[in-house]
Amino acid sequence: MIYSEDELASILSNNLYTLREHYNLSQLQVAVRASHTCTRSYRYFELGEKIPHLNTIITISSFYEISLDMLLGRIPLVFPASPTLKPTLELSGEEVRKRLAPNLKHHRQRMNLTREQVADFLGLDIESYKNLERGQRRPTCLSLIKLADLLQVSTDCLLAVHKILVL
């Protein structure tokens, strides 16, 4: 389980660099084609100095055709034989919130957890957590990982992207 922003930044940094090198791509190529950011921002991601927004991570994972859990370090990284190296899924912040909200509520109830219990686990006040369940707030990458761990599902499942994997 990932416990801190620094640990997540380090894991993402390593995975982004490993993927880019494996497919013999430059930072510029990935920045433009996968993350739709400037090369400087992408470089910060690879150096572990910045954590990309969740919608950028979704786009990068679809670019490499891997699960969010792989990119975020929840499961081992594997390399698809011949990915298209084109983003197949790009979500706005609003789309991320809309996909998360019903899944979050469903899996919280499936685990017989109260909103208060989940809010405490995340270190949020109850209103902030309710806003996640209503689709009015986008989680951080670290919060998404913690939610997936608590609810025993993949991050992909919570956001309704890629294949649904139950851990």
Foldseek 3Di string as FASTA:
>chain_A
DDDDLLSQLVLLLVLVVVLCVVVVHDLCLCCVFFQVHHSVVSVCSNVSNDPDFPLSLLSNCQLQVHDSCCSRVVDPDDHDPDGPSGRPDGDDQLLQLVQQQVLLVVLCVVVVHDLCVLCVQLVHPSVVSVCSNVSNDGDGPVSLVSSCVVSQWDSCSSRVHDDTDGD
